[in-house]
Amino acid sequence: MKKILLLSTLFIGILTVFAHEYILVADSFRLKKGDNLEMHLFVSDGFNIQLERPINKTATLKFELITSDSTIDLSINENGTLPVISRKVFFEGGGLIHMERDYARITLATDKFMDYLKEDHIDGIPALVDKTKKEQKERYTRYIKSLVQSEGSYKDTLYKKITGQAFEIVLLQNPYTLRVGDSLKAKILFQGKPLSKKIITARNRTRNLAAITSTSRTNAKGICSFKMSRKGDWFLHATYMIPNQDKSDSDWESFWTSYSFGID
């Protein structure tokens, strides 16, 4: 039993270092009234799903489902609920789910920290790192969004709703009106302002094909664009980092964002 616990602890530690994204993934992003909406909170490295998280009331600051005429507080769900959403679809049109997670902390050896900055396209920070230090302390928060579509009504603009997340992806087109080959634009906001020159990553999986990845850098207005080259599940994500003002707490503060949806 002790060996199993030790292995589990080691596995979670490995996930913390290498599996970056938290994403909300629906069993089906297109639904009808009366269908069951099941939404999973996955820890993943790209679309390599490594762990599913249940409802964690302590770590969750906000968790809501927004429709054209209602806002449902999902944070009242029982602690430990898995998947994080399982409820009948009562709406037509878009359903925007958004979640904010509380601060978590991690300490990495400086060489591993530098590798992570490169892997996650975190510009500007490498030049600021004190490489004489053996380790770097970081605190981070996560901001997660997902859009599902019920029935064939596309009148609402929930896809571009700004929820006020500290680091937020805002779609500028409804992905459920797009087809393969179309381009999707998104605006990236940090503290409510457009974030320029930031690399954003898009990932797709469909059927049994290998997942694909592409990147786009935001312009002066914080806008990036991606070609929806395949059907299936998609998500956009990015990490942004700043020096932490309170060095007694951590050296760095990072913000993680993702936005998932489907393309037919």
Protein backbone atom coordinates (compact mmCIF):
# COMPACT_ATOMS: atom_id res chain seq x y z
CA MET A 1 0.00 0.00 0.00
CA LYS A 2 2.85 2.38 0.88
CA LYS A 3 4.45 1.70 -2.50
CA ILE A 4 1.17 2.51 -4.27
CA LEU A 5 0.85 5.78 -2.34
CA LEU A 6 4.44 6.69 -3.12
CA LEU A 7 3.97 6.01 -6.81
CA SER A 8 0.76 8.06 -6.83
CA THR A 9 2.55 10.98 -5.18
CA LEU A 10 5.39 10.79 -7.68
CA PHE A 11 2.92 10.62 -10.59
CA ILE A 12 1.05 13.71 -9.38
CA GLY A 13 4.37 15.50 -8.97
CA ILE A 14 5.30 14.68 -12.55
CA LEU A 15 1.92 15.96 -13.76
CA THR A 16 2.42 19.20 -11.85
CA VAL A 17 5.69 19.84 -13.66
CA PHE A 18 4.96 18.61 -17.16
CA ALA A 19 1.18 18.52 -17.72
CA HIS A 20 0.33 22.17 -18.01
CA GLU A 21 -3.17 22.72 -19.32
CA TYR A 22 -6.45 22.45 -17.49
CA ILE A 23 -9.21 22.15 -20.08
CA LEU A 24 -12.96 21.63 -20.00
CA VAL A 25 -13.97 18.97 -22.54
CA ALA A 26 -17.57 17.97 -23.25
CA ASP A 27 -18.62 14.47 -24.24
CA SER A 28 -20.43 16.34 -27.03
CA PHE A 29 -20.09 20.05 -27.74
CA ARG A 30 -23.28 20.02 -29.87
CA LEU A 31 -26.45 19.18 -27.99
CA LYS A 32 -30.23 19.36 -28.01
CA LYS A 33 -32.66 20.34 -25.28
CA GLY A 34 -33.13 17.36 -23.00
CA ASP A 35 -29.68 15.91 -23.77
CA ASN A 36 -27.27 15.36 -20.89
CA LEU A 37 -24.36 17.80 -20.85
CA GLU A 38 -21.29 16.10 -19.44
CA MET A 39 -18.23 18.28 -19.01
CA HIS A 40 -14.88 16.98 -17.80
CA LEU A 41 -12.05 18.98 -16.25
CA PHE A 42 -8.88 17.40 -17.58
CA VAL A 43 -5.23 17.91 -16.75
CA SER A 44 -3.45 17.48 -20.05
CA ASP A 45 -0.28 17.98 -22.03
CA GLY A 46 -1.87 19.21 -25.22
CA PHE A 47 -4.59 16.66 -25.96
CA ASN A 48 -2.70 13.95 -24.12
CA ILE A 49 -5.20 13.62 -21.27
CA GLN A 50 -3.44 12.52 -18.11
CA LEU A 51 -5.83 13.11 -15.25
CA GLU A 52 -9.45 14.11 -14.59
CA ARG A 53 -10.23 16.51 -11.77
CA PRO A 54 -13.47 16.51 -9.74
CA ILE A 55 -15.18 19.53 -8.19
CA ASN A 56 -12.81 21.05 -5.63
CA LYS A 57 -14.60 23.75 -3.67
CA THR A 58 -11.45 24.95 -1.93
CA ALA A 59 -9.58 25.49 -5.20
CA THR A 60 -12.52 26.88 -7.19
CA LEU A 61 -13.26 30.60 -6.95
CA LYS A 62 -15.94 30.72 -9.65
CA PHE A 63 -17.72 28.14 -11.80
CA GLU A 64 -20.74 29.16 -13.88
CA LEU A 65 -22.87 28.17 -16.85
CA ILE A 66 -24.13 31.22 -18.73
CA THR A 67 -26.96 31.03 -21.27
CA SER A 68 -28.84 33.76 -23.11
CA ASP A 69 -31.29 34.18 -20.23
CA SER A 70 -29.71 32.70 -17.12
CA THR A 71 -26.55 32.22 -15.08
CA ILE A 72 -26.21 28.98 -13.13
CA ASP A 73 -23.77 28.80 -10.21
CA LEU A 74 -22.03 25.44 -10.61
CA SER A 75 -19.72 25.94 -7.64
CA ILE A 76 -22.54 24.75 -5.38
CA ASN A 77 -22.13 21.22 -6.75
CA GLU A 78 -21.00 18.69 -4.19
CA ASN A 79 -17.27 18.51 -3.50
CA GLY A 80 -15.69 15.61 -5.35
CA THR A 81 -18.33 15.51 -8.10
CA LEU A 82 -17.00 13.79 -11.23
CA PRO A 83 -17.43 14.83 -13.99
CA VAL A 84 -17.66 18.48 -12.97
CA ILE A 85 -20.90 18.95 -14.95
CA SER A 86 -23.66 16.44 -15.59
CA ARG A 87 -27.06 18.05 -16.16
CA LYS A 88 -29.92 18.18 -18.62
CA VAL A 89 -29.70 20.84 -21.33
CA PHE A 90 -32.48 23.35 -20.71
CA PHE A 91 -31.45 26.07 -23.17
CA GLU A 92 -31.17 26.78 -26.87
CA GLY A 93 -28.15 28.52 -28.36
CA GLY A 94 -24.79 28.93 -26.71
CA GLY A 95 -23.83 27.72 -23.27
CA LEU A 96 -20.70 29.38 -21.89
CA ILE A 97 -18.97 27.64 -19.00
CA HIS A 98 -16.21 29.44 -17.16
CA MET A 99 -14.11 28.51 -14.14
CA GLU A 100 -11.51 30.33 -12.06
CA ARG A 101 -9.10 28.42 -9.85
CA ASP A 102 -7.38 29.80 -6.75
CA TYR A 103 -3.63 30.25 -6.40
CA ALA A 104 -1.38 27.20 -6.40
CA ARG A 105 2.37 27.15 -5.96
CA ILE A 106 5.30 25.24 -7.39
CA THR A 107 9.08 25.26 -7.05
CA LEU A 108 11.28 24.22 -9.96
CA ALA A 109 15.01 23.86 -10.41
CA THR A 110 16.19 26.85 -12.44
CA ASP A 111 17.19 24.76 -15.47
CA LYS A 112 13.76 23.08 -15.52
CA PHE A 113 12.12 26.48 -15.11
CA MET A 114 13.97 27.77 -18.18
CA ASP A 115 12.82 24.75 -20.19
CA TYR A 116 9.23 25.40 -19.13
CA LEU A 117 9.43 29.06 -20.21
CA LYS A 118 10.55 27.97 -23.66
CA GLU A 119 7.98 25.20 -24.00
CA ASP A 120 5.10 27.51 -23.04
CA HIS A 121 6.23 30.44 -25.22
CA ILE A 122 6.69 32.76 -22.23
CA ASP A 123 8.60 35.67 -23.73
CA GLY A 124 10.43 38.36 -21.78
CA ILE A 125 10.89 36.37 -18.58
CA PRO A 126 14.05 34.36 -19.45
CA ALA A 127 16.15 37.54 -19.47
CA LEU A 128 14.90 38.40 -15.97
CA VAL A 129 15.70 35.04 -14.34
CA ASP A 130 18.54 35.03 -11.80
CA LYS A 131 20.33 31.95 -13.07
CA THR A 132 22.64 31.84 -10.03
CA LYS A 133 19.67 30.68 -7.97
CA LYS A 134 19.17 26.93 -7.72
CA GLU A 135 15.39 27.13 -7.92
CA GLN A 136 12.50 29.35 -8.91
CA LYS A 137 9.26 29.72 -6.94
CA GLU A 138 6.06 30.43 -8.82
CA ARG A 139 2.42 30.93 -7.95
CA TYR A 140 -0.23 30.50 -10.60
CA THR A 141 -3.95 30.78 -11.30
CA ARG A 142 -6.08 29.16 -13.98
CA TYR A 143 -8.89 30.64 -16.06
CA ILE A 144 -10.87 28.09 -18.04
CA LYS A 145 -13.71 28.54 -20.54
CA SER A 146 -15.75 26.28 -22.80
CA LEU A 147 -18.60 26.87 -25.25
CA VAL A 148 -21.27 24.34 -26.14
CA GLN A 149 -24.10 24.73 -28.67
CA SER A 150 -27.69 23.58 -28.15
CA GLU A 151 -30.05 23.26 -31.11
CA GLY A 152 -29.64 25.47 -34.18
CA SER A 153 -30.07 28.94 -32.72
CA TYR A 154 -27.08 31.26 -33.29
CA LYS A 155 -28.61 34.59 -32.26
CA ASP A 156 -26.73 35.03 -28.98
CA THR A 157 -23.18 36.38 -28.67
CA LEU A 158 -22.09 34.40 -25.63
CA TYR A 159 -19.00 33.22 -27.52
CA LYS A 160 -17.51 36.72 -27.14
CA LYS A 161 -18.74 37.47 -23.64
CA ILE A 162 -16.08 38.95 -21.36
CA THR A 163 -16.39 37.29 -17.96
CA GLY A 164 -13.72 39.40 -16.24
CA GLN A 165 -11.07 36.72 -15.87
CA ALA A 166 -7.59 38.13 -15.14
CA PHE A 167 -6.26 36.36 -18.24
CA GLU A 168 -9.04 35.74 -20.73
CA ILE A 169 -9.60 34.41 -24.23
CA VAL A 170 -12.54 36.02 -26.02
CA LEU A 171 -13.70 34.48 -29.31
CA LEU A 172 -14.61 37.01 -31.99
CA GLN A 173 -16.65 34.53 -34.03
CA ASN A 174 -19.08 31.82 -33.10
CA PRO A 175 -17.18 28.57 -33.78
CA TYR A 176 -20.46 26.72 -34.36
CA THR A 177 -21.13 28.79 -37.47
CA LEU A 178 -17.71 27.91 -38.95
CA ARG A 179 -16.73 25.06 -41.21
CA VAL A 180 -13.46 23.29 -41.85
CA GLY A 181 -11.09 25.68 -43.62
CA ASP A 182 -12.53 28.82 -42.02
CA SER A 183 -10.44 31.03 -39.74
CA LEU A 184 -11.33 31.85 -36.15
CA LYS A 185 -10.21 35.10 -34.53
CA ALA A 186 -9.80 35.59 -30.79
CA LYS A 187 -8.85 38.48 -28.55
CA ILE A 188 -6.56 37.97 -25.57
CA LEU A 189 -7.05 40.16 -22.51
CA PHE A 190 -4.83 40.58 -19.46
CA GLN A 191 -6.39 42.52 -16.60
CA GLY A 192 -9.07 43.60 -19.05
CA LYS A 193 -6.67 45.07 -21.62
CA PRO A 194 -5.58 43.62 -25.00
CA LEU A 195 -2.32 41.69 -24.73
CA SER A 196 -0.08 42.20 -27.77
CA LYS A 197 2.82 40.09 -29.08
CA LYS A 198 1.69 37.04 -27.13
CA ILE A 199 1.94 33.54 -28.62
CA ILE A 200 -1.33 31.60 -28.35
CA THR A 201 -1.59 27.87 -29.06
CA ALA A 202 -4.50 26.03 -30.72
CA ARG A 203 -4.90 22.26 -30.47
CA ASN A 204 -7.26 19.82 -32.16
CA ARG A 205 -8.17 16.16 -31.88
CA THR A 206 -10.55 14.23 -34.08
CA ARG A 207 -11.40 10.54 -34.23
CA ASN A 208 -8.31 8.34 -34.02
CA LEU A 209 -6.01 10.79 -35.83
CA ALA A 210 -2.96 12.29 -34.15
CA ALA A 211 -3.63 15.63 -32.45
CA ILE A 212 -2.40 18.76 -34.23
CA THR A 213 -1.05 22.06 -32.90
CA SER A 214 -0.63 25.55 -34.32
CA THR A 215 0.40 28.92 -32.89
CA SER A 216 -0.46 32.55 -33.58
CA ARG A 217 0.96 35.76 -32.13
CA THR A 218 -1.44 38.53 -31.12
CA ASN A 219 -1.30 41.91 -32.86
CA ALA A 220 -1.38 45.35 -31.27
CA LYS A 221 -5.10 44.90 -30.54
CA GLY A 222 -4.55 41.54 -28.83
CA ILE A 223 -6.08 39.62 -31.73
CA CYS A 224 -4.83 36.29 -33.09
CA SER A 225 -6.23 34.01 -35.80
CA PHE A 226 -6.28 30.27 -36.41
CA LYS A 227 -7.38 28.18 -39.37
CA MET A 228 -9.89 25.54 -38.33
CA SER A 229 -8.24 22.87 -40.44
CA ARG A 230 -10.12 19.85 -39.10
CA LYS A 231 -13.35 18.80 -37.44
CA GLY A 232 -13.38 17.75 -33.82
CA ASP A 233 -12.52 19.13 -30.40
CA TRP A 234 -10.47 22.33 -30.25
CA PHE A 235 -8.99 24.44 -27.52
CA LEU A 236 -6.91 27.61 -27.39
CA HIS A 237 -4.52 28.19 -24.52
CA ALA A 238 -1.70 30.40 -23.29
CA THR A 239 0.42 31.18 -20.24
CA TYR A 240 1.43 34.68 -19.19
CA MET A 241 3.95 35.47 -16.47
CA ILE A 242 5.09 38.52 -14.53
CA PRO A 243 7.59 38.99 -11.68
CA ASN A 244 5.79 38.64 -8.36
CA GLN A 245 5.94 41.79 -6.26
CA ASP A 246 5.98 39.79 -3.02
CA LYS A 247 9.26 37.87 -3.23
CA SER A 248 8.62 36.30 0.18
CA ASP A 249 5.72 34.46 -1.45
CA SER A 250 7.24 33.54 -4.83
CA ASP A 251 9.56 34.83 -7.54
CA TRP A 252 6.98 34.72 -10.32
CA GLU A 253 3.23 34.92 -10.86
CA SER A 254 1.69 33.16 -13.86
CA PHE A 255 -1.76 33.10 -15.38
CA TRP A 256 -3.10 30.16 -17.43
CA THR A 257 -6.04 30.39 -19.79
CA SER A 258 -7.89 27.94 -22.06
CA TYR A 259 -11.05 27.98 -24.18
CA SER A 260 -12.54 24.80 -25.68
CA PHE A 261 -15.24 24.23 -28.32
CA GLY A 262 -16.11 21.95 -31.23
CA ILE A 263 -16.03 22.26 -35.03
CA ASP A 264 -18.33 20.17 -37.26
